[in-house]
Amino acid sequence: MMNVKLSFLDLAVMAVYLVVIVVWGLLHAKRKSARDYFLGGKGMSWQVVGLSMFATVVSSSALVPRAWPLRSVDLPPEAVLPELEIHRWEELENFSQRARELVIKVSGFSPRAWGSRGVTVGSDQPKEKWVPALREALAEWPTQPHLLQRFARLGTVSHPVWNEVTGENEESRWRLRLCPYYLVTGDKVDLKGGLATLCPVDKKLIHGMEDAVLVPLSSESGTGR
């Protein structure tokens, strides 16, 4: 079990937040009618209503891709795997190629993690290759875990790159992969920098390939960059 220690500042923020919520509730608890309760007395501007609606639908699932650990599980008869709507992994074998907008990827430290060698894109593979890849991932769970994720079709960015032939920086379109680097000093974890990998736009899987350009990044304290 993870041992989480909260600092005084963490506790203070939580206490202030709870006090503000309670006081706000007491001040606005009494409404003249149900209409005032549900509509806020029609005293809120459209900006406040819009931000409230936006905050309601935003969650970590909108920022972090949905992932399913590929391990054999016995679900209750009425249960299904979330979003996949299947009861057993075997049902995933019968997904059509169009419905397999999914990625099987090796998780953790593995020689196959380099160069996307441990990645299988379901929509790119026929059933004859998709089924063995899925079964192999499930079988390797005890020794080498795999994850199943939705395949994300990335956009492109523009970035200048040095051309050895012309001796000039040339602006080009790339697919971008960002890898943050965190360093642990004592009990403190700090973001010290990262590595940007610029890959050709015709590559679906982006990694440190021969045609890629590696661009080191650094974080500037106090600037938010």
C-alpha atoms as a PDB file:
ATOM      1  CA  MET A   1       0.000   0.000   0.000  1.00  0.00           C
ATOM      2  CA  MET A   2       1.323   3.435  -0.953  1.00  0.00           C
ATOM      3  CA  ASN A   3       2.221   5.683   1.973  1.00  0.00           C
ATOM      4  CA  VAL A   4       1.162   9.216   1.038  1.00  0.00           C
ATOM      5  CA  LYS A   5       2.253  12.108   3.250  1.00  0.00           C
ATOM      6  CA  LEU A   6       0.458  15.439   2.992  1.00  0.00           C
ATOM      7  CA  SER A   7       2.345  18.619   3.791  1.00  0.00           C
ATOM      8  CA  PHE A   8       0.943  21.458   5.888  1.00  0.00           C
ATOM      9  CA  LEU A   9       0.228  23.412   2.703  1.00  0.00           C
ATOM     10  CA  ASP A  10      -1.782  20.497   1.279  1.00  0.00           C
ATOM     11  CA  LEU A  11      -3.873  20.257   4.424  1.00  0.00           C
ATOM     12  CA  ALA A  12      -4.344  24.039   4.540  1.00  0.00           C
ATOM     13  CA  VAL A  13      -5.601  24.156   0.961  1.00  0.00           C
ATOM     14  CA  MET A  14      -8.050  21.324   1.661  1.00  0.00           C
ATOM     15  CA  ALA A  15      -9.293  23.006   4.840  1.00  0.00           C
ATOM     16  CA  VAL A  16      -9.792  26.381   3.138  1.00  0.00           C
ATOM     17  CA  TYR A  17     -11.614  24.717   0.248  1.00  0.00           C
ATOM     18  CA  LEU A  18     -13.992  22.880   2.589  1.00  0.00           C
ATOM     19  CA  VAL A  19     -14.679  26.027   4.619  1.00  0.00           C
ATOM     20  CA  VAL A  20     -15.438  28.056   1.480  1.00  0.00           C
ATOM     21  CA  ILE A  21     -17.795  25.363   0.172  1.00  0.00           C
ATOM     22  CA  VAL A  22     -19.657  25.115   3.476  1.00  0.00           C
ATOM     23  CA  VAL A  23     -19.971  28.891   3.892  1.00  0.00           C
ATOM     24  CA  TRP A  24     -21.123  29.324   0.301  1.00  0.00           C
ATOM     25  CA  GLY A  25     -23.717  26.596   0.801  1.00  0.00           C
ATOM     26  CA  LEU A  26     -25.049  28.174   3.992  1.00  0.00           C
ATOM     27  CA  LEU A  27     -25.306  31.608   2.395  1.00  0.00           C
ATOM     28  CA  HIS A  28     -27.170  30.287  -0.628  1.00  0.00           C
ATOM     29  CA  ALA A  29     -29.122  27.476   1.003  1.00  0.00           C
ATOM     30  CA  LYS A  30     -32.379  29.396   1.228  1.00  0.00           C
ATOM     31  CA  ARG A  31     -34.012  30.064  -2.119  1.00  0.00           C
ATOM     32  CA  LYS A  32     -37.406  31.567  -2.721  1.00  0.00           C
ATOM     33  CA  SER A  33     -38.505  28.720  -4.994  1.00  0.00           C
ATOM     34  CA  ALA A  34     -37.384  25.585  -6.792  1.00  0.00           C
ATOM     35  CA  ARG A  35     -36.973  27.734  -9.904  1.00  0.00           C
ATOM     36  CA  ASP A  36     -34.419  29.910  -8.113  1.00  0.00           C
ATOM     37  CA  TYR A  37     -32.643  26.810  -6.808  1.00  0.00           C
ATOM     38  CA  PHE A  38     -32.200  25.163 -10.204  1.00  0.00           C
ATOM     39  CA  LEU A  39     -31.625  28.339 -12.242  1.00  0.00           C
ATOM     40  CA  GLY A  40     -29.583  30.265  -9.700  1.00  0.00           C
ATOM     41  CA  GLY A  41     -32.063  33.095  -9.791  1.00  0.00           C
ATOM     42  CA  LYS A  42     -30.949  33.698 -13.376  1.00  0.00           C
ATOM     43  CA  GLY A  43     -28.165  35.785 -11.914  1.00  0.00           C
ATOM     44  CA  MET A  44     -25.217  34.000 -13.557  1.00  0.00           C
ATOM     45  CA  SER A  45     -23.569  35.287 -16.691  1.00  0.00           C
ATOM     46  CA  TRP A  46     -23.134  33.109 -19.777  1.00  0.00           C
ATOM     47  CA  GLN A  47     -19.381  32.919 -19.117  1.00  0.00           C
ATOM     48  CA  VAL A  48     -19.928  31.346 -15.699  1.00  0.00           C
ATOM     49  CA  VAL A  49     -22.524  28.905 -17.043  1.00  0.00           C
ATOM     50  CA  GLY A  50     -20.268  27.949 -19.960  1.00  0.00           C
ATOM     51  CA  LEU A  51     -17.239  27.338 -17.739  1.00  0.00           C
ATOM     52  CA  SER A  52     -19.374  25.274 -15.365  1.00  0.00           C
ATOM     53  CA  MET A  53     -20.627  23.072 -18.205  1.00  0.00           C
ATOM     54  CA  PHE A  54     -17.096  22.681 -19.552  1.00  0.00           C
ATOM     55  CA  ALA A  55     -15.712  21.722 -16.136  1.00  0.00           C
ATOM     56  CA  THR A  56     -18.499  19.157 -15.731  1.00  0.00           C
ATOM     57  CA  VAL A  57     -17.498  17.145 -18.794  1.00  0.00           C
ATOM     58  CA  VAL A  58     -13.720  17.457 -18.363  1.00  0.00           C
ATOM     59  CA  SER A  59     -12.027  14.636 -16.509  1.00  0.00           C
ATOM     60  CA  SER A  60      -8.760  12.745 -16.545  1.00  0.00           C
ATOM     61  CA  SER A  61     -10.201  10.455 -19.223  1.00  0.00           C
ATOM     62  CA  ALA A  62     -10.261  13.433 -21.591  1.00  0.00           C
ATOM     63  CA  LEU A  63      -6.537  14.009 -21.061  1.00  0.00           C
ATOM     64  CA  VAL A  64      -5.183  10.503 -20.549  1.00  0.00           C
ATOM     65  CA  PRO A  65      -5.990   7.844 -23.161  1.00  0.00           C
ATOM     66  CA  ARG A  66      -8.197   5.008 -22.012  1.00  0.00           C
ATOM     67  CA  ALA A  67      -6.072   1.943 -21.250  1.00  0.00           C
ATOM     68  CA  TRP A  68      -6.979  -1.619 -20.323  1.00  0.00           C
ATOM     69  CA  PRO A  69      -4.428  -3.941 -18.671  1.00  0.00           C
ATOM     70  CA  LEU A  70      -4.320  -7.096 -20.788  1.00  0.00           C
ATOM     71  CA  ARG A  71      -4.750  -9.703 -18.087  1.00  0.00           C
ATOM     72  CA  SER A  72      -7.198 -12.554 -17.816  1.00  0.00           C
ATOM     73  CA  VAL A  73     -10.015 -11.707 -15.407  1.00  0.00           C
ATOM     74  CA  ASP A  74     -13.210 -13.472 -14.373  1.00  0.00           C
ATOM     75  CA  LEU A  75     -16.009 -10.924 -14.498  1.00  0.00           C
ATOM     76  CA  PRO A  76     -19.477 -11.389 -13.022  1.00  0.00           C
ATOM     77  CA  PRO A  77     -22.044 -12.546 -15.614  1.00  0.00           C
ATOM     78  CA  GLU A  78     -23.586  -9.062 -15.850  1.00  0.00           C
ATOM     79  CA  ALA A  79     -20.278  -7.142 -16.075  1.00  0.00           C
ATOM     80  CA  VAL A  80     -18.415  -5.912 -19.156  1.00  0.00           C
ATOM     81  CA  LEU A  81     -15.059  -4.268 -19.780  1.00  0.00           C
ATOM     82  CA  PRO A  82     -15.646  -0.471 -19.821  1.00  0.00           C
ATOM     83  CA  GLU A  83     -16.106   1.100 -23.266  1.00  0.00           C
ATOM     84  CA  LEU A  84     -15.214  -2.151 -25.008  1.00  0.00           C
ATOM     85  CA  GLU A  85     -18.559  -3.640 -23.932  1.00  0.00           C
ATOM     86  CA  ILE A  86     -17.216  -7.193 -23.958  1.00  0.00           C
ATOM     87  CA  HIS A  87     -17.338  -9.804 -21.203  1.00  0.00           C
ATOM     88  CA  ARG A  88     -14.208 -11.749 -22.163  1.00  0.00           C
ATOM     89  CA  TRP A  89     -11.021 -10.856 -24.017  1.00  0.00           C
ATOM     90  CA  GLU A  90     -11.766 -13.632 -26.514  1.00  0.00           C
ATOM     91  CA  GLU A  91     -14.592 -11.473 -27.884  1.00  0.00           C
ATOM     92  CA  LEU A  92     -12.001  -8.916 -28.942  1.00  0.00           C
ATOM     93  CA  GLU A  93     -10.624 -11.424 -31.414  1.00  0.00           C
ATOM     94  CA  ASN A  94     -13.800 -11.117 -33.500  1.00  0.00           C
ATOM     95  CA  PHE A  95     -13.719  -7.329 -33.814  1.00  0.00           C
ATOM     96  CA  SER A  96     -13.670  -6.216 -37.435  1.00  0.00           C
ATOM     97  CA  GLN A  97     -10.533  -4.527 -38.714  1.00  0.00           C
ATOM     98  CA  ARG A  98     -12.352  -1.198 -38.817  1.00  0.00           C
ATOM     99  CA  ALA A  99     -13.477  -1.605 -35.203  1.00  0.00           C
ATOM    100  CA  ARG A 100      -9.930  -2.410 -34.083  1.00  0.00           C
ATOM    101  CA  GLU A 101      -8.815   1.187 -33.615  1.00  0.00           C
ATOM    102  CA  LEU A 102      -6.793  -0.222 -30.747  1.00  0.00           C
ATOM    103  CA  VAL A 103      -3.134  -0.605 -29.854  1.00  0.00           C
ATOM    104  CA  ILE A 104      -1.470  -3.444 -27.988  1.00  0.00           C
ATOM    105  CA  LYS A 105       1.744  -2.188 -26.417  1.00  0.00           C
ATOM    106  CA  VAL A 106       4.293  -3.677 -24.097  1.00  0.00           C
ATOM    107  CA  SER A 107       4.383  -1.955 -20.700  1.00  0.00           C
ATOM    108  CA  GLY A 108       7.378  -1.217 -18.516  1.00  0.00           C
ATOM    109  CA  PHE A 109      11.013  -1.945 -19.235  1.00  0.00           C
ATOM    110  CA  SER A 110      11.389  -4.271 -22.186  1.00  0.00           C
ATOM    111  CA  PRO A 111      13.763  -4.562 -25.164  1.00  0.00           C
ATOM    112  CA  ARG A 112      10.638  -4.589 -27.343  1.00  0.00           C
ATOM    113  CA  ALA A 113       9.665  -1.121 -26.131  1.00  0.00           C
ATOM    114  CA  TRP A 114      12.426   0.440 -28.246  1.00  0.00           C
ATOM    115  CA  GLY A 115      11.488   1.298 -31.811  1.00  0.00           C
ATOM    116  CA  SER A 116       7.822   0.377 -31.257  1.00  0.00           C
ATOM    117  CA  ARG A 117       8.712  -3.297 -31.708  1.00  0.00           C
ATOM    118  CA  GLY A 118       6.289  -4.169 -28.918  1.00  0.00           C
ATOM    119  CA  VAL A 119       3.385  -2.285 -30.539  1.00  0.00           C
ATOM    120  CA  THR A 120       0.560  -3.780 -32.598  1.00  0.00           C
ATOM    121  CA  VAL A 121      -2.025  -1.496 -34.218  1.00  0.00           C
ATOM    122  CA  GLY A 122      -5.208  -3.496 -34.635  1.00  0.00           C
ATOM    123  CA  SER A 123      -6.570  -1.604 -37.641  1.00  0.00           C
ATOM    124  CA  ASP A 124      -3.329  -2.280 -39.549  1.00  0.00           C
ATOM    125  CA  GLN A 125      -3.272  -6.016 -38.960  1.00  0.00           C
ATOM    126  CA  PRO A 126      -5.389  -8.803 -40.465  1.00  0.00           C
ATOM    127  CA  LYS A 127      -7.163 -11.144 -38.082  1.00  0.00           C
ATOM    128  CA  GLU A 128      -4.451 -13.779 -38.636  1.00  0.00           C
ATOM    129  CA  LYS A 129      -1.909 -11.477 -36.946  1.00  0.00           C
ATOM    130  CA  TRP A 130      -4.213  -9.640 -34.530  1.00  0.00           C
ATOM    131  CA  VAL A 131      -5.411 -12.769 -32.720  1.00  0.00           C
ATOM    132  CA  PRO A 132      -1.904 -14.211 -31.995  1.00  0.00           C
ATOM    133  CA  ALA A 133      -0.709 -10.783 -30.787  1.00  0.00           C
ATOM    134  CA  LEU A 134      -3.654 -10.510 -28.398  1.00  0.00           C
ATOM    135  CA  ARG A 135      -3.219 -14.037 -27.070  1.00  0.00           C
ATOM    136  CA  GLU A 136       0.520 -13.564 -26.606  1.00  0.00           C
ATOM    137  CA  ALA A 137      -0.042 -10.359 -24.639  1.00  0.00           C
ATOM    138  CA  LEU A 138      -2.543 -12.066 -22.340  1.00  0.00           C
ATOM    139  CA  ALA A 139      -0.228 -15.030 -21.782  1.00  0.00           C
ATOM    140  CA  GLU A 140       2.755 -12.812 -20.943  1.00  0.00           C
ATOM    141  CA  TRP A 141       0.953 -10.786 -18.270  1.00  0.00           C
ATOM    142  CA  PRO A 142       2.711 -12.412 -15.256  1.00  0.00           C
ATOM    143  CA  THR A 143       6.196 -11.692 -16.655  1.00  0.00           C
ATOM    144  CA  GLN A 144       5.731  -8.858 -19.172  1.00  0.00           C
ATOM    145  CA  PRO A 145       2.523  -6.812 -18.862  1.00  0.00           C
ATOM    146  CA  HIS A 146       0.835  -5.320 -21.922  1.00  0.00           C
ATOM    147  CA  LEU A 147      -1.723  -2.543 -22.245  1.00  0.00           C
ATOM    148  CA  LEU A 148      -4.546  -2.029 -24.705  1.00  0.00           C
ATOM    149  CA  GLN A 149      -5.208   1.587 -25.700  1.00  0.00           C
ATOM    150  CA  ARG A 150      -7.282   3.532 -28.174  1.00  0.00           C
ATOM    151  CA  PHE A 151      -5.280   4.454 -31.248  1.00  0.00           C
ATOM    152  CA  ALA A 152      -4.846   8.235 -31.403  1.00  0.00           C
ATOM    153  CA  ARG A 153      -4.437   9.849 -34.802  1.00  0.00           C
ATOM    154  CA  LEU A 154      -1.986  12.628 -34.065  1.00  0.00           C
ATOM    155  CA  GLY A 155      -1.815  16.007 -35.684  1.00  0.00           C
ATOM    156  CA  THR A 156       1.349  17.601 -37.014  1.00  0.00           C
ATOM    157  CA  VAL A 157       3.576  20.467 -35.937  1.00  0.00           C
ATOM    158  CA  SER A 158       5.844  22.782 -37.869  1.00  0.00           C
ATOM    159  CA  HIS A 159       9.488  23.008 -36.783  1.00  0.00           C
ATOM    160  CA  PRO A 160      12.712  24.138 -38.479  1.00  0.00           C
ATOM    161  CA  VAL A 161      15.399  21.489 -38.989  1.00  0.00           C
ATOM    162  CA  TRP A 162      18.984  21.954 -40.132  1.00  0.00           C
ATOM    163  CA  ASN A 163      19.657  20.686 -43.652  1.00  0.00           C
ATOM    164  CA  GLU A 164      23.232  19.525 -44.102  1.00  0.00           C
ATOM    165  CA  VAL A 165      22.990  19.787 -47.889  1.00  0.00           C
ATOM    166  CA  THR A 166      21.766  23.385 -48.139  1.00  0.00           C
ATOM    167  CA  GLY A 167      23.386  24.573 -44.914  1.00  0.00           C
ATOM    168  CA  GLU A 168      20.142  26.223 -43.797  1.00  0.00           C
ATOM    169  CA  ASN A 169      17.253  25.690 -41.403  1.00  0.00           C
ATOM    170  CA  GLU A 170      14.202  24.450 -43.283  1.00  0.00           C
ATOM    171  CA  GLU A 171      10.659  24.553 -41.958  1.00  0.00           C
ATOM    172  CA  SER A 172       8.887  21.181 -42.197  1.00  0.00           C
ATOM    173  CA  ARG A 173       5.814  19.382 -40.874  1.00  0.00           C
ATOM    174  CA  TRP A 174       6.391  16.611 -38.344  1.00  0.00           C
ATOM    175  CA  ARG A 175       4.629  14.264 -35.995  1.00  0.00           C
ATOM    176  CA  LEU A 176       5.777  14.988 -32.452  1.00  0.00           C
ATOM    177  CA  ARG A 177       6.507  12.745 -29.492  1.00  0.00           C
ATOM    178  CA  LEU A 178       7.377  14.326 -26.132  1.00  0.00           C
ATOM    179  CA  CYS A 179       9.181  12.381 -23.402  1.00  0.00           C
ATOM    180  CA  PRO A 180       9.495  14.190 -20.041  1.00  0.00           C
ATOM    181  CA  TYR A 181      12.467  13.401 -17.806  1.00  0.00           C
ATOM    182  CA  TYR A 182      11.942  13.477 -14.048  1.00  0.00           C
ATOM    183  CA  LEU A 183      14.875  13.232 -11.666  1.00  0.00           C
ATOM    184  CA  VAL A 184      14.609  12.163  -8.029  1.00  0.00           C
ATOM    185  CA  THR A 185      16.690  14.078  -5.507  1.00  0.00           C
ATOM    186  CA  GLY A 186      16.136  12.754  -2.007  1.00  0.00           C
ATOM    187  CA  ASP A 187      12.351  12.761  -1.532  1.00  0.00           C
ATOM    188  CA  LYS A 188      11.736  15.356  -4.235  1.00  0.00           C
ATOM    189  CA  VAL A 189      10.834  14.664  -7.855  1.00  0.00           C
ATOM    190  CA  ASP A 190      11.540  17.448 -10.351  1.00  0.00           C
ATOM    191  CA  LEU A 191      10.891  17.838 -14.047  1.00  0.00           C
ATOM    192  CA  LYS A 192      14.356  18.585 -15.402  1.00  0.00           C
ATOM    193  CA  GLY A 193      13.742  18.478 -19.122  1.00  0.00           C
ATOM    194  CA  GLY A 194      12.605  16.264 -21.914  1.00  0.00           C
ATOM    195  CA  LEU A 195      13.202  14.993 -25.393  1.00  0.00           C
ATOM    196  CA  ALA A 196      11.153  15.896 -28.455  1.00  0.00           C
ATOM    197  CA  THR A 197      11.209  13.396 -31.310  1.00  0.00           C
ATOM    198  CA  LEU A 198      10.204  14.831 -34.678  1.00  0.00           C
ATOM    199  CA  CYS A 199       9.080  12.062 -37.029  1.00  0.00           C
ATOM    200  CA  PRO A 200       8.041  12.194 -40.701  1.00  0.00           C
ATOM    201  CA  VAL A 201       4.312  12.717 -41.194  1.00  0.00           C
ATOM    202  CA  ASP A 202       3.960   9.496 -43.183  1.00  0.00           C
ATOM    203  CA  LYS A 203       4.942   7.406 -40.134  1.00  0.00           C
ATOM    204  CA  LYS A 204       2.023   6.129 -38.048  1.00  0.00           C
ATOM    205  CA  LEU A 205       4.161   4.868 -35.147  1.00  0.00           C
ATOM    206  CA  ILE A 206       6.520   7.542 -33.888  1.00  0.00           C
ATOM    207  CA  HIS A 207       9.770   6.644 -32.165  1.00  0.00           C
ATOM    208  CA  GLY A 208      13.519   7.165 -32.480  1.00  0.00           C
ATOM    209  CA  MET A 209      13.690   6.006 -36.084  1.00  0.00           C
ATOM    210  CA  GLU A 210      16.470   6.754 -38.560  1.00  0.00           C
ATOM    211  CA  ASP A 211      14.469   9.524 -40.221  1.00  0.00           C
ATOM    212  CA  ALA A 212      13.560  11.195 -36.936  1.00  0.00           C
ATOM    213  CA  VAL A 213      15.087  14.330 -35.434  1.00  0.00           C
ATOM    214  CA  LEU A 214      15.858  14.442 -31.710  1.00  0.00           C
ATOM    215  CA  VAL A 215      15.434  17.851 -30.063  1.00  0.00           C
ATOM    216  CA  PRO A 216      16.431  18.221 -26.376  1.00  0.00           C
ATOM    217  CA  LEU A 217      14.186  20.305 -24.150  1.00  0.00           C
ATOM    218  CA  SER A 218      14.734  22.082 -20.857  1.00  0.00           C
ATOM    219  CA  SER A 219      12.417  23.475 -18.231  1.00  0.00           C
ATOM    220  CA  GLU A 220      12.759  27.067 -17.025  1.00  0.00           C
ATOM    221  CA  SER A 221      11.969  27.618 -13.374  1.00  0.00           C
ATOM    222  CA  GLY A 222       9.253  30.187 -12.725  1.00  0.00           C
ATOM    223  CA  THR A 223       8.260  30.605 -16.356  1.00  0.00           C
ATOM    224  CA  GLY A 224       5.816  27.700 -16.669  1.00  0.00           C
ATOM    225  CA  ARG A 225       7.768  26.424 -19.690  1.00  0.00           C
END
